[in-house]
């Protein structure tokens, strides 16, 4: 065996050893949260940039862990830290979530050049404890997690490079006039579970965010639809507010909407063509006060109208015409906890040829009594194996709790096929 052959074998053995070391190390076991916790869906979460060349070994803060397999990441989470450690200049991903950090001073970030993602969620940070401009100086920052803190105000200024900003579960009740200016690359903004009301949005803060694709405003104090949203928007979350109506033609300027969630509001009437949107796939209007259905676009796949005051499903309103060359794509509809006394008309199966499931559940009768239609879950187009499985699980579906359904509704998640 020649020297070159021996060298080739040694090289292959070394590569195999490195690969196995990478495969065997499971960072989720050490750093992940509760295994039963369903992580929210965030649009385009990839933040890994091209790896710059650095001399090895690389530095790492003593309080943290820098895995050899991920040399550009520094893990400082779940360590009861009260201050931010000094950050080596090469770090791109910084994980500081689930600590007791109260302030974000400029010092630890002095020499940082390549930082692209910061996770400071689940800490105790307040707005006035963030040094002015500390984030704005990070010219490569793409994603910033500040959810589950004690922010009373939007944390500005921020770098123009930022694409995803998560501020849910804070105490934000103010948006300064220029807070959202200079953020042309933002695609995802999460402001759920704050104290925002209509007066805060009168200044139309989202108008100039031309690349915004996902906006989460659930669990705030809104009574009207947010004004002048950018036409780039694809995902809009407005659950758990107090919105009572949708202005006519409101969605005319939002043709790219894919998913709209407005459950747990005070909606009573929906103008007939409100949701005439060519790309809409998911529409959630559960837990409102609707008395009748409305037109749904041919693109819609999932419709949630549970826990309303609907007494009859008028399929003609939902589907005024049938076009064999452009059929409706609806596959799932949830109508439990309404006031239905009869199942949906069989005409629905001509209008919606792809429908597979109608969840009837229990219906609200008089004040002290609920009724149940003949079948709580209707299924069609099942293979024999799917049908047998559905029958075996029939009682399980009957016992579905409200929490089971609402667990799906916290954030957008990529279940679209």
Protein backbone atom coordinates (compact mmCIF):
# COMPACT_ATOMS: atom_id res chain seq x y z
CA UNK A 1 0.00 0.00 0.00
CA UNK A 2 1.50 3.30 -1.07
CA UNK A 3 2.01 6.35 1.09
CA UNK A 4 -0.77 8.23 -0.72
CA UNK A 5 -3.22 5.42 -0.05
CA UNK A 6 -2.30 5.40 3.63
CA UNK A 7 -2.76 9.14 3.85
CA UNK A 8 -6.17 8.84 2.15
CA UNK A 9 -7.33 6.26 4.70
CA UNK A 10 -6.13 8.41 7.61
CA UNK A 11 -7.96 11.41 6.16
CA UNK A 12 -11.21 9.43 5.81
CA UNK A 13 -10.96 8.12 9.39
CA UNK A 14 -10.41 11.64 10.69
CA UNK A 15 -13.40 12.99 8.72
CA UNK A 16 -15.59 10.15 10.03
CA UNK A 17 -14.56 10.91 13.61
CA UNK A 18 -15.44 14.61 13.25
CA UNK A 19 -18.77 13.79 11.60
CA UNK A 20 -19.73 11.30 14.34
CA UNK A 21 -18.83 13.82 17.03
CA UNK A 22 -21.10 16.36 15.36
CA UNK A 23 -23.97 13.88 14.98
CA UNK A 24 -23.77 12.58 18.56
CA UNK A 25 -23.99 15.97 20.21
CA UNK A 26 -27.61 16.93 20.76
CA UNK A 27 -27.87 20.54 21.77
CA UNK A 28 -31.64 20.36 22.15
CA UNK A 29 -31.30 18.08 25.18
CA UNK A 30 -29.13 20.59 27.00
CA UNK A 31 -30.62 23.87 25.93
CA UNK A 32 -34.20 23.28 24.85
CA UNK A 33 -37.14 24.29 26.99
CA UNK A 34 -39.96 22.05 28.14
CA UNK A 35 -40.13 19.18 25.58
CA UNK A 36 -43.91 19.55 25.47
CA UNK A 37 -43.67 23.22 24.58
CA UNK A 38 -44.61 23.93 20.97
CA UNK A 39 -42.29 26.55 19.60
CA UNK A 40 -43.91 29.38 17.69
CA UNK A 41 -43.48 29.55 13.98
CA UNK A 42 -41.37 32.43 12.74
CA UNK A 43 -41.07 33.27 9.10
CA UNK A 44 -37.68 32.38 7.58
CA UNK A 45 -35.73 31.65 10.81
CA UNK A 46 -32.37 30.98 9.11
CA UNK A 47 -29.74 33.34 10.51
CA UNK A 48 -26.51 31.46 9.76
CA UNK A 49 -24.17 33.54 7.65
CA UNK A 50 -21.03 32.56 5.82
CA UNK A 51 -18.43 31.49 8.36
CA UNK A 52 -15.52 33.93 8.47
CA UNK A 53 -12.04 32.56 9.02
CA UNK A 54 -10.68 32.92 12.56
CA UNK A 55 -7.63 31.55 14.32
CA UNK A 56 -8.45 28.64 16.62
CA UNK A 57 -9.09 28.07 19.46
CA UNK A 58 -11.69 30.81 19.73
CA UNK A 59 -12.46 32.71 22.91
CA UNK A 60 -15.58 32.05 24.98
CA UNK A 61 -16.96 33.85 28.03
CA UNK A 62 -16.33 31.86 31.20
CA UNK A 63 -20.03 31.93 32.12
CA UNK A 64 -21.05 30.43 28.80
CA UNK A 65 -20.51 27.45 26.52
CA UNK A 66 -19.16 27.60 22.97
CA UNK A 67 -19.62 24.22 21.27
CA UNK A 68 -16.75 23.10 19.03
CA UNK A 69 -19.26 22.04 16.36
CA UNK A 70 -20.78 25.55 16.33
CA UNK A 71 -17.81 27.86 16.82
CA UNK A 72 -19.77 31.03 16.03
CA UNK A 73 -22.43 30.44 18.73
CA UNK A 74 -22.20 31.26 22.43
CA UNK A 75 -24.74 29.70 24.82
CA UNK A 76 -25.30 31.60 28.07
CA UNK A 77 -28.93 30.63 28.67
CA UNK A 78 -30.51 29.17 31.84
CA UNK A 79 -27.54 30.20 34.01
CA UNK A 80 -29.10 32.70 36.43
CA UNK A 81 -26.96 35.48 34.98
CA UNK A 82 -27.71 39.03 36.13
CA UNK A 83 -25.38 40.75 33.69
CA UNK A 84 -24.33 40.20 30.09
CA UNK A 85 -20.81 38.74 29.82
CA UNK A 86 -18.23 40.15 27.44
CA UNK A 87 -18.84 38.87 23.92
CA UNK A 88 -15.91 37.73 21.77
CA UNK A 89 -15.67 39.54 18.46
CA UNK A 90 -16.26 36.44 16.31
CA UNK A 91 -19.65 35.43 17.82
CA UNK A 92 -22.63 35.45 15.44
CA UNK A 93 -25.34 33.83 17.58
CA UNK A 94 -25.70 34.86 21.23
CA UNK A 95 -28.15 33.01 23.49
CA UNK A 96 -28.92 34.71 26.81
CA UNK A 97 -32.54 33.65 27.33
CA UNK A 98 -33.97 32.53 30.68
CA UNK A 99 -31.70 34.50 32.99
CA UNK A 100 -32.17 37.40 35.44
CA UNK A 101 -30.67 40.11 33.25
CA UNK A 102 -32.08 43.59 33.93
CA UNK A 103 -29.95 45.85 31.73
CA UNK A 104 -28.30 45.91 28.31
CA UNK A 105 -25.17 48.07 28.59
CA UNK A 106 -22.93 48.93 25.64
CA UNK A 107 -19.77 47.53 27.24
CA UNK A 108 -20.11 43.81 26.45
CA UNK A 109 -20.85 44.61 22.79
CA UNK A 110 -17.84 46.92 22.27
CA UNK A 111 -15.81 44.66 19.97
CA UNK A 112 -18.66 42.71 18.38
CA UNK A 113 -18.55 42.81 14.59
CA UNK A 114 -20.40 39.81 13.17
CA UNK A 115 -23.31 39.35 15.60
CA UNK A 116 -26.44 38.29 13.67
CA UNK A 117 -28.79 36.92 16.33
CA UNK A 118 -29.39 37.85 19.97
CA UNK A 119 -31.81 36.00 22.22
CA UNK A 120 -32.56 37.95 25.41
CA UNK A 121 -36.03 36.54 25.97
CA UNK A 122 -37.30 35.58 29.44
CA UNK A 123 -35.29 38.13 31.38
CA UNK A 124 -36.18 41.29 33.37
CA UNK A 125 -35.11 44.01 30.95
CA UNK A 126 -36.77 47.44 31.06
CA UNK A 127 -36.64 50.05 28.31
CA UNK A 128 -34.70 52.66 30.29
CA UNK A 129 -32.07 50.04 31.19
CA UNK A 130 -31.04 49.57 27.55
CA UNK A 131 -28.13 51.84 26.64
CA UNK A 132 -29.14 54.16 23.82
CA UNK A 133 -27.92 52.86 20.46
CA UNK A 134 -26.47 49.60 21.79
CA UNK A 135 -28.39 47.55 19.21
CA UNK A 136 -28.18 50.16 16.44
CA UNK A 137 -24.39 49.76 16.31
CA UNK A 138 -24.69 46.06 15.43
CA UNK A 139 -24.71 46.46 11.66
CA UNK A 140 -25.04 42.72 10.93
CA UNK A 141 -27.89 41.98 13.36
CA UNK A 142 -30.73 40.11 11.68
CA UNK A 143 -32.81 38.65 14.52
CA UNK A 144 -33.51 40.04 18.00
CA UNK A 145 -35.51 38.22 20.70
CA UNK A 146 -36.77 40.39 23.56
CA UNK A 147 -40.05 38.64 24.35
CA UNK A 148 -41.01 37.95 27.98
CA UNK A 149 -39.29 40.97 29.50
CA UNK A 150 -40.54 44.16 31.18
CA UNK A 151 -40.27 46.63 28.31
CA UNK A 152 -42.70 49.53 28.57
CA UNK A 153 -41.70 51.07 25.24
CA UNK A 154 -40.49 49.95 21.82
CA UNK A 155 -36.68 49.47 22.05
CA UNK A 156 -35.29 51.94 19.53
CA UNK A 157 -33.05 52.79 17.76
CA UNK A 158 -32.40 49.50 15.98
CA UNK A 159 -30.06 48.59 13.09
CA UNK A 160 -31.37 48.80 9.53
CA UNK A 161 -30.15 45.23 8.95
CA UNK A 162 -32.79 43.79 11.30
CA UNK A 163 -35.24 41.33 9.72
CA UNK A 164 -37.05 39.67 12.63
CA UNK A 165 -37.99 41.38 15.88
CA UNK A 166 -39.82 39.59 18.69
CA UNK A 167 -41.28 41.74 21.46
CA UNK A 168 -44.20 39.64 22.69
CA UNK A 169 -45.13 39.36 26.38
CA UNK A 170 -43.89 42.76 27.51
CA UNK A 171 -45.66 45.89 28.79
CA UNK A 172 -45.31 48.03 25.68
CA UNK A 173 -47.97 50.74 25.56
CA UNK A 174 -46.09 53.38 23.57
CA UNK A 175 -44.58 53.62 20.11
CA UNK A 176 -42.56 56.80 19.67
CA UNK A 177 -43.11 58.57 16.36
CA UNK A 178 -39.80 57.46 14.87
CA UNK A 179 -39.51 54.09 16.65
CA UNK A 180 -40.12 52.04 13.51
CA UNK A 181 -38.30 54.28 11.08
CA UNK A 182 -35.11 53.09 9.46
CA UNK A 183 -36.12 49.40 9.47
CA UNK A 184 -36.54 48.67 5.75
CA UNK A 185 -35.66 44.98 6.04
CA UNK A 186 -38.08 43.90 8.76
CA UNK A 187 -40.07 40.86 7.59
CA UNK A 188 -41.45 39.66 10.93
CA UNK A 189 -42.64 41.77 13.89
CA UNK A 190 -44.17 40.18 16.98
CA UNK A 191 -45.95 42.55 19.39
CA UNK A 192 -48.42 40.08 20.89
CA UNK A 193 -49.32 40.27 24.59
CA UNK A 194 -48.60 43.94 25.19
CA UNK A 195 -50.74 46.99 26.07
CA UNK A 196 -51.16 48.56 22.62
CA UNK A 197 -54.44 50.37 21.92
CA UNK A 198 -55.91 52.26 18.96
CA UNK A 199 -54.33 55.57 19.95
CA UNK A 200 -50.86 54.05 19.64
CA UNK A 201 -51.53 52.99 16.04
CA UNK A 202 -53.11 56.27 14.88
CA UNK A 203 -49.73 57.39 13.63
CA UNK A 204 -49.75 54.44 11.18
CA UNK A 205 -46.38 53.11 12.35
CA UNK A 206 -46.29 50.12 9.97
CA UNK A 207 -46.96 51.98 6.71
CA UNK A 208 -43.36 52.26 5.55
CA UNK A 209 -42.32 48.73 6.43
CA UNK A 210 -42.35 47.66 2.78
CA UNK A 211 -40.94 44.17 3.41
CA UNK A 212 -43.08 43.23 6.40
CA UNK A 213 -44.58 39.76 5.87
CA UNK A 214 -45.76 38.77 9.35
CA UNK A 215 -47.32 41.06 11.95
CA UNK A 216 -48.51 39.69 15.30
CA UNK A 217 -50.71 42.02 17.36
CA UNK A 218 -52.65 39.42 19.33
CA UNK A 219 -53.58 39.97 22.99
CA UNK A 220 -53.53 43.76 23.01
CA UNK A 221 -56.26 46.38 23.54
CA UNK A 222 -57.25 47.14 19.95
CA UNK A 223 -60.87 48.03 19.17
CA UNK A 224 -60.41 48.75 15.46
CA UNK A 225 -58.37 47.25 12.65
CA UNK A 226 -54.79 48.60 12.47
CA UNK A 227 -54.60 51.31 9.78
CA UNK A 228 -52.49 51.35 6.61
CA UNK A 229 -50.71 48.04 6.82
CA UNK A 230 -48.12 47.45 4.07
CA UNK A 231 -49.21 45.52 0.98
CA UNK A 232 -46.36 43.04 1.52
CA UNK A 233 -48.14 41.48 4.52
CA UNK A 234 -48.81 37.73 4.35
CA UNK A 235 -49.56 36.71 7.97
CA UNK A 236 -51.71 38.85 10.29
CA UNK A 237 -52.52 37.90 13.89
CA UNK A 238 -55.16 39.95 15.75
CA UNK A 239 -56.57 37.39 18.20
CA UNK A 240 -57.73 38.39 21.67
CA UNK A 241 -58.49 42.04 21.08
CA UNK A 242 -61.83 43.89 21.14
CA UNK A 243 -62.30 44.53 17.42
CA UNK A 244 -65.99 44.79 16.57
CA UNK A 245 -65.99 45.38 12.81
CA UNK A 246 -63.88 45.20 9.67
CA UNK A 247 -64.22 48.23 7.38
CA UNK A 248 -65.48 47.49 3.90
CA UNK A 249 -62.63 47.05 1.41
CA UNK A 250 -60.12 46.91 4.27
CA UNK A 251 -58.21 44.02 2.69
CA UNK A 252 -58.12 45.48 -0.81
CA UNK A 253 -54.60 46.73 -0.19
CA UNK A 254 -53.47 43.41 1.32
CA UNK A 255 -53.72 40.95 -1.59
CA UNK A 256 -50.86 38.74 -0.38
CA UNK A 257 -52.50 37.68 2.88
CA UNK A 258 -52.09 33.92 3.40
CA UNK A 259 -53.27 33.54 7.00
CA UNK A 260 -55.57 35.78 9.04
CA UNK A 261 -56.35 35.14 12.70
CA UNK A 262 -59.04 37.18 14.44
CA UNK A 263 -60.45 34.78 17.01
CA UNK A 264 -61.59 36.07 20.41
CA UNK A 265 -62.82 39.49 19.26
CA UNK A 266 -66.27 41.12 19.12
CA UNK A 267 -67.07 40.70 15.43
CA UNK A 268 -70.80 40.53 14.67
CA UNK A 269 -71.22 41.13 10.95
CA UNK A 270 -68.80 40.54 8.10
CA UNK A 271 -69.38 42.46 4.85
CA UNK A 272 -70.02 39.85 2.18
CA UNK A 273 -66.83 40.19 0.10
CA UNK A 274 -64.48 41.15 2.93
CA UNK A 275 -62.26 38.11 2.42
CA UNK A 276 -62.10 38.13 -1.35
CA UNK A 277 -58.37 37.48 -1.19
CA UNK A 278 -56.65 35.41 -3.89
CA UNK A 279 -53.99 33.82 -1.64
CA UNK A 280 -55.84 33.26 1.64
CA UNK A 281 -55.27 29.74 3.02
CA UNK A 282 -56.25 30.02 6.71
CA UNK A 283 -59.05 32.12 8.22
CA UNK A 284 -59.76 31.97 11.95
CA UNK A 285 -62.82 33.88 13.22
CA UNK A 286 -63.66 31.60 16.13
CA UNK A 287 -64.95 32.97 19.44
CA UNK A 288 -66.72 36.03 18.07
CA UNK A 289 -70.40 36.98 17.81
CA UNK A 290 -71.08 36.17 14.16
CA UNK A 291 -74.65 35.32 13.21
CA UNK A 292 -74.12 34.26 9.62
CA UNK A 293 -71.41 33.11 7.25
CA UNK A 294 -69.83 35.07 4.42
CA UNK A 295 -68.10 34.63 1.07
CA UNK A 296 -64.85 32.68 1.24
CA UNK A 297 -62.22 32.77 -1.51
CA UNK A 298 -61.49 29.73 -3.66
CA UNK A 299 -57.96 29.52 -2.24
CA UNK A 300 -59.08 29.01 1.38
CA UNK A 301 -58.20 25.63 2.90
CA UNK A 302 -58.92 25.96 6.64
CA UNK A 303 -61.90 27.85 8.10
CA UNK A 304 -62.49 28.26 11.86
CA UNK A 305 -65.83 29.80 12.90
CA UNK A 306 -66.42 27.93 16.17
CA UNK A 307 -68.08 29.53 19.22
CA UNK A 308 -70.20 32.08 17.40
CA UNK A 309 -73.99 32.60 17.16
CA UNK A 310 -74.54 30.99 13.76
CA UNK A 311 -77.86 29.13 13.49
CA UNK A 312 -77.55 27.93 9.90
CA UNK A 313 -74.68 27.61 7.42
CA UNK A 314 -75.84 29.27 4.20
CA UNK A 315 -73.56 27.57 1.69
CA UNK A 316 -74.75 29.87 -1.12
CA UNK A 317 -73.30 32.87 0.72
CA UNK A 318 -69.99 31.08 1.08
CA UNK A 319 -69.99 29.79 -2.48
CA UNK A 320 -72.24 31.79 -4.82
CA UNK A 321 -71.06 29.94 -7.94
CA UNK A 322 -69.34 26.73 -9.01
CA UNK A 323 -66.48 26.76 -11.47
CA UNK A 324 -65.27 23.26 -12.44
CA UNK A 325 -62.09 24.79 -13.84
CA UNK A 326 -61.33 26.70 -10.62
CA UNK A 327 -62.67 24.70 -7.68
CA UNK A 328 -62.75 25.80 -4.06
CA UNK A 329 -59.85 24.39 -2.04
CA UNK A 330 -61.56 24.21 1.38
CA UNK A 331 -60.57 21.00 3.19
CA UNK A 332 -61.43 21.68 6.85
CA UNK A 333 -64.14 23.66 8.62
CA UNK A 334 -64.75 23.91 12.35
CA UNK A 335 -68.28 24.95 13.38
CA UNK A 336 -68.72 23.61 16.93
CA UNK A 337 -70.26 25.71 19.74
CA UNK A 338 -72.60 27.59 17.43
CA UNK A 339 -76.40 27.24 17.37
CA UNK A 340 -76.74 24.77 14.52
CA UNK A 341 -79.63 22.31 14.65
CA UNK A 342 -79.03 20.59 11.31
CA UNK A 343 -75.84 19.59 9.47
CA UNK A 344 -74.47 21.65 6.63
CA UNK A 345 -76.35 21.18 3.36
CA UNK A 346 -75.00 18.51 1.01
CA UNK A 347 -74.71 21.27 -1.59
CA UNK A 348 -71.48 22.11 0.25
CA UNK A 349 -69.84 19.06 -1.30
CA UNK A 350 -70.47 20.39 -4.79
CA UNK A 351 -69.08 23.80 -3.86
CA UNK A 352 -66.18 22.38 -1.86
CA UNK A 353 -65.16 19.14 -3.57
CA UNK A 354 -61.94 18.85 -1.57
CA UNK A 355 -63.51 19.06 1.88
CA UNK A 356 -62.39 16.25 4.17
CA UNK A 357 -63.48 17.25 7.66
CA UNK A 358 -66.34 19.21 9.22
CA UNK A 359 -66.03 19.40 12.99
CA UNK A 360 -69.50 19.87 14.48
CA UNK A 361 -68.76 19.07 18.14
CA UNK A 362 -71.38 20.31 20.57
CA UNK A 363 -73.76 23.09 19.63
CA UNK A 364 -75.07 25.77 21.98
CA UNK A 365 -78.81 25.37 22.59
CA UNK A 366 -80.63 27.29 25.30
CA UNK A 367 -78.81 28.78 28.26
CA UNK A 368 -78.51 25.58 30.27
CA UNK A 369 -78.32 22.99 27.52
CA UNK A 370 -76.06 22.11 24.64
CA UNK A 371 -77.02 19.90 21.73
CA UNK A 372 -75.03 17.60 19.52
CA UNK A 373 -75.62 16.89 15.86
CA UNK A 374 -75.83 13.32 14.65
CA UNK A 375 -72.11 13.17 13.96
CA UNK A 376 -69.62 15.41 15.77
CA UNK A 377 -66.95 14.88 13.11
CA UNK A 378 -67.74 14.34 9.43
CA UNK A 379 -64.99 12.91 7.22
CA UNK A 380 -64.90 12.09 3.55
CA UNK A 381 -62.44 10.91 0.90
CA UNK A 382 -60.72 8.60 3.38
CA UNK A 383 -58.94 5.41 2.41
CA UNK A 384 -60.20 2.25 4.19
CA UNK A 385 -57.19 2.42 6.52
CA UNK A 386 -57.86 6.09 7.33
CA UNK A 387 -61.53 5.33 7.88
CA UNK A 388 -60.75 2.50 10.35
CA UNK A 389 -58.35 4.74 12.23
CA UNK A 390 -60.94 7.53 12.34
CA UNK A 391 -63.53 5.16 13.77
CA UNK A 392 -61.07 3.93 16.41
CA UNK A 393 -60.38 7.51 17.43
CA UNK A 394 -63.98 8.69 17.27
CA UNK A 395 -64.39 9.04 21.02
CA UNK A 396 -61.08 10.87 21.26
CA UNK A 397 -62.32 13.48 18.78
CA UNK A 398 -65.57 13.81 20.73
CA UNK A 399 -63.63 14.66 23.85
CA UNK A 400 -61.44 17.29 22.24
CA UNK A 401 -61.09 20.14 24.70
CA UNK A 402 -61.05 23.82 23.99
CA UNK A 403 -57.43 23.92 25.10
CA UNK A 404 -56.51 21.37 22.44
CA UNK A 405 -57.84 23.64 19.71
CA UNK A 406 -56.50 26.87 21.14
CA UNK A 407 -53.02 25.41 21.47
CA UNK A 408 -52.82 25.64 17.67
CA UNK A 409 -53.80 29.29 17.65
CA UNK A 410 -50.98 30.89 19.64
CA UNK A 411 -48.74 31.57 16.66
CA UNK A 412 -48.61 30.84 12.96
CA UNK A 413 -47.08 27.49 12.23
CA UNK A 414 -46.11 25.88 8.91
CA UNK A 415 -48.77 23.21 8.52
CA UNK A 416 -49.82 24.33 5.05
CA UNK A 417 -49.17 21.64 2.47
